[in-house]
């Protein structure tokens, strides 16, 4: 019976490196997309005076704008 260490080694060597979220359909990588969404969400929060409790709403609105 194989040890857990050898099983982990075998499965980890088969994994392919992929950036978070993979590639975006227009060829830009996901890190750039996430950065643009984060910046847009920041400006939305700034416009509200950084009132807490709306972080997810800001992120989702920025994400929706990014898809357009």
PDB file of N, CA and C in Angstrom:
ATOM      1  N   UNK A   1       0.854  -1.186   0.000  1.00  0.00           N
ATOM      2  CA  UNK A   1       0.000   0.000   0.000  1.00  0.00           C
ATOM      3  C   UNK A   1       0.891   1.237   0.000  1.00  0.00           C
ATOM      4  N   UNK A   2       0.535   2.211  -0.844  1.00  0.00           N
ATOM      5  CA  UNK A   2       1.334   3.428  -0.940  1.00  0.00           C
ATOM      6  C   UNK A   2       1.086   4.326   0.269  1.00  0.00           C
ATOM      7  N   UNK A   3       2.109   5.042   0.632  1.00  0.00           N
ATOM      8  CA  UNK A   3       1.949   5.990   1.732  1.00  0.00           C
ATOM      9  C   UNK A   3       1.210   7.227   1.235  1.00  0.00           C
ATOM     10  N   UNK A   4       0.668   7.956   2.171  1.00  0.00           N
ATOM     11  CA  UNK A   4      -0.057   9.185   1.823  1.00  0.00           C
ATOM     12  C   UNK A   4       0.892  10.177   1.161  1.00  0.00           C
ATOM     13  N   UNK A   5       2.124  10.230   1.633  1.00  0.00           N
ATOM     14  CA  UNK A   5       3.091  11.152   1.064  1.00  0.00           C
ATOM     15  C   UNK A   5       3.323  10.856  -0.420  1.00  0.00           C
ATOM     16  N   UNK A   6       3.461   9.586  -0.770  1.00  0.00           N
ATOM     17  CA  UNK A   6       3.700   9.262  -2.172  1.00  0.00           C
ATOM     18  C   UNK A   6       2.452   9.507  -3.019  1.00  0.00           C
ATOM     19  N   UNK A   7       1.261   9.302  -2.453  1.00  0.00           N
ATOM     20  CA  UNK A   7       0.033   9.589  -3.191  1.00  0.00           C
ATOM     21  C   UNK A   7      -0.101  11.087  -3.459  1.00  0.00           C
ATOM     22  N   UNK A   8       0.234  11.873  -2.450  1.00  0.00           N
ATOM     23  CA  UNK A   8       0.172  13.321  -2.603  1.00  0.00           C
ATOM     24  C   UNK A   8       1.164  13.782  -3.660  1.00  0.00           C
ATOM     25  N   UNK A   9       2.355  13.219  -3.630  1.00  0.00           N
ATOM     26  CA  UNK A   9       3.378  13.581  -4.602  1.00  0.00           C
ATOM     27  C   UNK A   9       2.915  13.241  -6.017  1.00  0.00           C
ATOM     28  N   UNK A  10       2.327  12.074  -6.190  1.00  0.00           N
ATOM     29  CA  UNK A  10       1.884  11.648  -7.516  1.00  0.00           C
ATOM     30  C   UNK A  10       0.768  12.530  -8.051  1.00  0.00           C
ATOM     31  N   UNK A  11      -0.197  12.873  -7.232  1.00  0.00           N
ATOM     32  CA  UNK A  11      -1.313  13.684  -7.719  1.00  0.00           C
ATOM     33  C   UNK A  11      -0.896  15.126  -7.936  1.00  0.00           C
ATOM     34  N   UNK A  12      -0.014  15.649  -7.097  1.00  0.00           N
ATOM     35  CA  UNK A  12       0.396  17.040  -7.266  1.00  0.00           C
ATOM     36  C   UNK A  12       1.221  17.226  -8.528  1.00  0.00           C
ATOM     37  N   UNK A  13       1.959  16.189  -8.940  1.00  0.00           N
ATOM     38  CA  UNK A  13       2.764  16.329 -10.148  1.00  0.00           C
ATOM     39  C   UNK A  13       1.909  16.320 -11.404  1.00  0.00           C
ATOM     40  N   UNK A  14       0.666  15.852 -11.307  1.00  0.00           N
ATOM     41  CA  UNK A  14      -0.225  15.814 -12.460  1.00  0.00           C
ATOM     42  C   UNK A  14      -1.027  17.090 -12.634  1.00  0.00           C
ATOM     43  N   UNK A  15      -1.069  17.907 -11.614  1.00  0.00           N
ATOM     44  CA  UNK A  15      -1.852  19.140 -11.694  1.00  0.00           C
ATOM     45  C   UNK A  15      -1.184  20.110 -12.653  1.00  0.00           C
ATOM     46  N   UNK A  16      -1.983  20.775 -13.457  1.00  0.00           N
ATOM     47  CA  UNK A  16      -1.457  21.781 -14.374  1.00  0.00           C
ATOM     48  C   UNK A  16      -1.619  23.154 -13.728  1.00  0.00           C
ATOM     49  N   UNK A  17      -0.615  23.988 -13.898  1.00  0.00           N
ATOM     50  CA  UNK A  17      -0.684  25.345 -13.360  1.00  0.00           C
ATOM     51  C   UNK A  17      -1.680  26.154 -14.182  1.00  0.00           C
ATOM     52  N   UNK A  18      -2.591  26.808 -13.505  1.00  0.00           N
ATOM     53  CA  UNK A  18      -3.574  27.647 -14.183  1.00  0.00           C
ATOM     54  C   UNK A  18      -3.808  28.881 -13.332  1.00  0.00           C
ATOM     55  N   UNK A  19      -3.796  30.047 -13.939  1.00  0.00           N
ATOM     56  CA  UNK A  19      -4.055  31.250 -13.162  1.00  0.00           C
ATOM     57  C   UNK A  19      -5.464  31.241 -12.582  1.00  0.00           C
ATOM     58  N   UNK A  20      -5.646  31.977 -11.515  1.00  0.00           N
ATOM     59  CA  UNK A  20      -6.940  32.074 -10.862  1.00  0.00           C
ATOM     60  C   UNK A  20      -8.008  32.459 -11.869  1.00  0.00           C
ATOM     61  N   UNK A  21      -9.004  31.618 -12.047  1.00  0.00           N
ATOM     62  CA  UNK A  21     -10.092  31.919 -12.963  1.00  0.00           C
ATOM     63  C   UNK A  21      -9.794  31.594 -14.414  1.00  0.00           C
ATOM     64  N   UNK A  22      -8.572  31.148 -14.715  1.00  0.00           N
ATOM     65  CA  UNK A  22      -8.238  30.820 -16.096  1.00  0.00           C
ATOM     66  C   UNK A  22      -8.120  32.058 -16.962  1.00  0.00           C
ATOM     67  N   UNK A  23      -8.245  31.872 -18.241  1.00  0.00           N
ATOM     68  CA  UNK A  23      -8.144  32.974 -19.193  1.00  0.00           C
ATOM     69  C   UNK A  23      -9.512  33.571 -19.458  1.00  0.00           C
ATOM     70  N   UNK A  24      -9.561  34.851 -19.678  1.00  0.00           N
ATOM     71  CA  UNK A  24     -10.783  35.533 -20.065  1.00  0.00           C
ATOM     72  C   UNK A  24     -10.907  35.386 -21.571  1.00  0.00           C
ATOM     73  N   UNK A  25     -12.114  35.317 -22.092  1.00  0.00           N
ATOM     74  CA  UNK A  25     -12.334  35.011 -23.496  1.00  0.00           C
ATOM     75  C   UNK A  25     -11.653  35.979 -24.456  1.00  0.00           C
ATOM     76  N   UNK A  26     -11.430  37.219 -24.067  1.00  0.00           N
ATOM     77  CA  UNK A  26     -10.802  38.171 -24.975  1.00  0.00           C
ATOM     78  C   UNK A  26      -9.284  38.108 -24.922  1.00  0.00           C
ATOM     79  N   UNK A  27      -8.720  37.137 -24.241  1.00  0.00           N
ATOM     80  CA  UNK A  27      -7.273  36.946 -24.213  1.00  0.00           C
ATOM     81  C   UNK A  27      -6.555  37.624 -23.068  1.00  0.00           C
ATOM     82  N   UNK A  28      -7.196  38.496 -22.341  1.00  0.00           N
ATOM     83  CA  UNK A  28      -6.548  39.148 -21.209  1.00  0.00           C
ATOM     84  C   UNK A  28      -6.575  38.188 -20.035  1.00  0.00           C
ATOM     85  N   UNK A  29      -5.523  38.185 -19.248  1.00  0.00           N
ATOM     86  CA  UNK A  29      -5.510  37.229 -18.142  1.00  0.00           C
ATOM     87  C   UNK A  29      -6.387  37.697 -16.990  1.00  0.00           C
ATOM     88  N   UNK A  30      -6.716  36.783 -16.139  1.00  0.00           N
ATOM     89  CA  UNK A  30      -7.677  37.050 -15.071  1.00  0.00           C
ATOM     90  C   UNK A  30      -7.135  38.005 -14.007  1.00  0.00           C
ATOM     91  N   UNK A  31      -5.812  38.063 -13.845  1.00  0.00           N
ATOM     92  CA  UNK A  31      -5.257  39.005 -12.861  1.00  0.00           C
ATOM     93  C   UNK A  31      -5.575  40.439 -13.257  1.00  0.00           C
ATOM     94  N   UNK A  32      -5.467  40.746 -14.541  1.00  0.00           N
ATOM     95  CA  UNK A  32      -5.797  42.087 -15.017  1.00  0.00           C
ATOM     96  C   UNK A  32      -7.275  42.381 -14.788  1.00  0.00           C
ATOM     97  N   UNK A  33      -8.108  41.409 -15.081  1.00  0.00           N
ATOM     98  CA  UNK A  33      -9.558  41.581 -14.908  1.00  0.00           C
ATOM     99  C   UNK A  33      -9.900  41.820 -13.439  1.00  0.00           C
ATOM    100  N   UNK A  34      -9.323  41.031 -12.565  1.00  0.00           N
ATOM    101  CA  UNK A  34      -9.586  41.171 -11.134  1.00  0.00           C
ATOM    102  C   UNK A  34      -9.102  42.534 -10.636  1.00  0.00           C
ATOM    103  N   UNK A  35      -7.969  42.985 -11.138  1.00  0.00           N
ATOM    104  CA  UNK A  35      -7.453  44.306 -10.747  1.00  0.00           C
ATOM    105  C   UNK A  35      -8.404  45.415 -11.177  1.00  0.00           C
ATOM    106  N   UNK A  36      -8.923  45.311 -12.405  1.00  0.00           N
ATOM    107  CA  UNK A  36      -9.859  46.335 -12.884  1.00  0.00           C
ATOM    108  C   UNK A  36     -11.134  46.330 -12.049  1.00  0.00           C
ATOM    109  N   UNK A  37     -11.626  45.154 -11.698  1.00  0.00           N
ATOM    110  CA  UNK A  37     -12.834  45.053 -10.872  1.00  0.00           C
ATOM    111  C   UNK A  37     -12.574  45.658  -9.494  1.00  0.00           C
ATOM    112  N   UNK A  38     -11.433  45.349  -8.916  1.00  0.00           N
ATOM    113  CA  UNK A  38     -11.096  45.873  -7.587  1.00  0.00           C
ATOM    114  C   UNK A  38     -11.012  47.397  -7.599  1.00  0.00           C
ATOM    115  N   UNK A  39     -10.402  47.954  -8.632  1.00  0.00           N
ATOM    116  CA  UNK A  39     -10.290  49.414  -8.728  1.00  0.00           C
ATOM    117  C   UNK A  39     -11.668  50.047  -8.874  1.00  0.00           C
ATOM    118  N   UNK A  40     -12.498  49.456  -9.715  1.00  0.00           N
ATOM    119  CA  UNK A  40     -13.852  49.973  -9.900  1.00  0.00           C
ATOM    120  C   UNK A  40     -14.662  49.882  -8.605  1.00  0.00           C
ATOM    121  N   UNK A  41     -14.531  48.770  -7.894  1.00  0.00           N
ATOM    122  CA  UNK A  41     -15.243  48.601  -6.626  1.00  0.00           C
ATOM    123  C   UNK A  41     -14.763  49.628  -5.600  1.00  0.00           C
ATOM    124  N   UNK A  42     -13.463  49.918  -5.615  1.00  0.00           N
ATOM    125  CA  UNK A  42     -12.914  50.933  -4.706  1.00  0.00           C
ATOM    126  C   UNK A  42     -13.558  52.292  -4.973  1.00  0.00           C
ATOM    127  N   UNK A  43     -13.642  52.673  -6.241  1.00  0.00           N
ATOM    128  CA  UNK A  43     -14.236  53.973  -6.573  1.00  0.00           C
ATOM    129  C   UNK A  43     -15.719  54.028  -6.210  1.00  0.00           C
ATOM    130  N   UNK A  44     -16.394  52.909  -6.319  1.00  0.00           N
ATOM    131  CA  UNK A  44     -17.800  52.867  -5.906  1.00  0.00           C
ATOM    132  C   UNK A  44     -17.905  53.078  -4.397  1.00  0.00           C
ATOM    133  N   UNK A  45     -17.021  52.433  -3.648  1.00  0.00           N
ATOM    134  CA  UNK A  45     -17.007  52.611  -2.193  1.00  0.00           C
ATOM    135  C   UNK A  45     -16.649  54.045  -1.822  1.00  0.00           C
ATOM    136  N   UNK A  46     -15.701  54.607  -2.541  1.00  0.00           N
ATOM    137  CA  UNK A  46     -15.296  55.989  -2.281  1.00  0.00           C
ATOM    138  C   UNK A  46     -16.464  56.950  -2.510  1.00  0.00           C
ATOM    139  N   UNK A  47     -17.229  56.711  -3.569  1.00  0.00           N
ATOM    140  CA  UNK A  47     -18.377  57.572  -3.875  1.00  0.00           C
ATOM    141  C   UNK A  47     -19.430  57.510  -2.773  1.00  0.00           C
ATOM    142  N   UNK A  48     -19.498  56.379  -2.064  1.00  0.00           N
ATOM    143  CA  UNK A  48     -20.439  56.228  -0.951  1.00  0.00           C
ATOM    144  C   UNK A  48     -19.856  56.719   0.360  1.00  0.00           C
ATOM    145  N   UNK A  49     -18.628  57.186   0.360  1.00  0.00           N
ATOM    146  CA  UNK A  49     -17.990  57.625   1.596  1.00  0.00           C
ATOM    147  C   UNK A  49     -17.467  56.455   2.418  1.00  0.00           C
ATOM    148  N   UNK A  50     -17.193  55.332   1.776  1.00  0.00           N
ATOM    149  CA  UNK A  50     -16.653  54.121   2.415  1.00  0.00           C
ATOM    150  C   UNK A  50     -17.519  53.610   3.564  1.00  0.00           C
ATOM    151  N   UNK A  51     -18.826  53.800   3.448  1.00  0.00           N
ATOM    152  CA  UNK A  51     -19.723  53.259   4.472  1.00  0.00           C
ATOM    153  C   UNK A  51     -19.637  51.732   4.456  1.00  0.00           C
ATOM    154  N   UNK A  52     -19.447  51.113   5.618  1.00  0.00           N
ATOM    155  CA  UNK A  52     -19.304  49.656   5.657  1.00  0.00           C
ATOM    156  C   UNK A  52     -20.614  48.936   5.342  1.00  0.00           C
ATOM    157  N   UNK A  53     -20.467  47.691   4.904  1.00  0.00           N
ATOM    158  CA  UNK A  53     -21.629  46.844   4.661  1.00  0.00           C
ATOM    159  C   UNK A  53     -22.051  46.751   3.206  1.00  0.00           C
ATOM    160  N   UNK A  54     -21.335  47.443   2.318  1.00  0.00           N
ATOM    161  CA  UNK A  54     -21.708  47.443   0.901  1.00  0.00           C
ATOM    162  C   UNK A  54     -20.597  46.887   0.019  1.00  0.00           C
ATOM    163  N   UNK A  55     -19.620  46.260   0.623  1.00  0.00           N
ATOM    164  CA  UNK A  55     -18.454  45.794  -0.119  1.00  0.00           C
ATOM    165  C   UNK A  55     -18.831  44.802  -1.219  1.00  0.00           C
ATOM    166  N   UNK A  56     -19.669  43.842  -0.892  1.00  0.00           N
ATOM    167  CA  UNK A  56     -20.077  42.845  -1.880  1.00  0.00           C
ATOM    168  C   UNK A  56     -20.885  43.488  -3.000  1.00  0.00           C
ATOM    169  N   UNK A  57     -21.772  44.398  -2.644  1.00  0.00           N
ATOM    170  CA  UNK A  57     -22.553  45.102  -3.665  1.00  0.00           C
ATOM    171  C   UNK A  57     -21.639  45.866  -4.620  1.00  0.00           C
ATOM    172  N   UNK A  58     -20.619  46.533  -4.066  1.00  0.00           N
ATOM    173  CA  UNK A  58     -19.674  47.276  -4.895  1.00  0.00           C
ATOM    174  C   UNK A  58     -18.938  46.333  -5.838  1.00  0.00           C
ATOM    175  N   UNK A  59     -18.479  45.198  -5.303  1.00  0.00           N
ATOM    176  CA  UNK A  59     -17.733  44.235  -6.108  1.00  0.00           C
ATOM    177  C   UNK A  59     -18.611  43.670  -7.230  1.00  0.00           C
ATOM    178  N   UNK A  60     -19.824  43.270  -6.879  1.00  0.00           N
ATOM    179  CA  UNK A  60     -20.712  42.674  -7.886  1.00  0.00           C
ATOM    180  C   UNK A  60     -21.108  43.687  -8.966  1.00  0.00           C
ATOM    181  N   UNK A  61     -21.317  44.942  -8.590  1.00  0.00           N
ATOM    182  CA  UNK A  61     -21.634  45.980  -9.568  1.00  0.00           C
ATOM    183  C   UNK A  61     -20.438  46.217 -10.497  1.00  0.00           C
ATOM    184  N   UNK A  62     -19.237  46.244  -9.929  1.00  0.00           N
ATOM    185  CA  UNK A  62     -18.035  46.438 -10.743  1.00  0.00           C
ATOM    186  C   UNK A  62     -17.818  45.245 -11.675  1.00  0.00           C
ATOM    187  N   UNK A  63     -18.096  44.060 -11.178  1.00  0.00           N
ATOM    188  CA  UNK A  63     -17.965  42.851 -11.996  1.00  0.00           C
ATOM    189  C   UNK A  63     -18.968  42.860 -13.153  1.00  0.00           C
ATOM    190  N   UNK A  64     -20.187  43.292 -12.882  1.00  0.00           N
ATOM    191  CA  UNK A  64     -21.218  43.366 -13.921  1.00  0.00           C
ATOM    192  C   UNK A  64     -20.823  44.373 -15.000  1.00  0.00           C
ATOM    193  N   UNK A  65     -20.258  45.506 -14.580  1.00  0.00           N
ATOM    194  CA  UNK A  65     -19.798  46.509 -15.546  1.00  0.00           C
ATOM    195  C   UNK A  65     -18.665  45.979 -16.393  1.00  0.00           C
ATOM    196  N   UNK A  66     -17.790  45.184 -15.800  1.00  0.00           N
ATOM    197  CA  UNK A  66     -16.642  44.612 -16.506  1.00  0.00           C
ATOM    198  C   UNK A  66     -17.098  43.662 -17.617  1.00  0.00           C
ATOM    199  N   UNK A  67     -18.187  42.967 -17.401  1.00  0.00           N
ATOM    200  CA  UNK A  67     -18.681  41.998 -18.387  1.00  0.00           C
ATOM    201  C   UNK A  67     -19.308  42.680 -19.601  1.00  0.00           C
ATOM    202  N   UNK A  68     -19.689  43.927 -19.474  1.00  0.00           N
ATOM    203  CA  UNK A  68     -20.362  44.623 -20.577  1.00  0.00           C
ATOM    204  C   UNK A  68     -19.420  44.977 -21.678  1.00  0.00           C
TER     205      UNK A  68
END
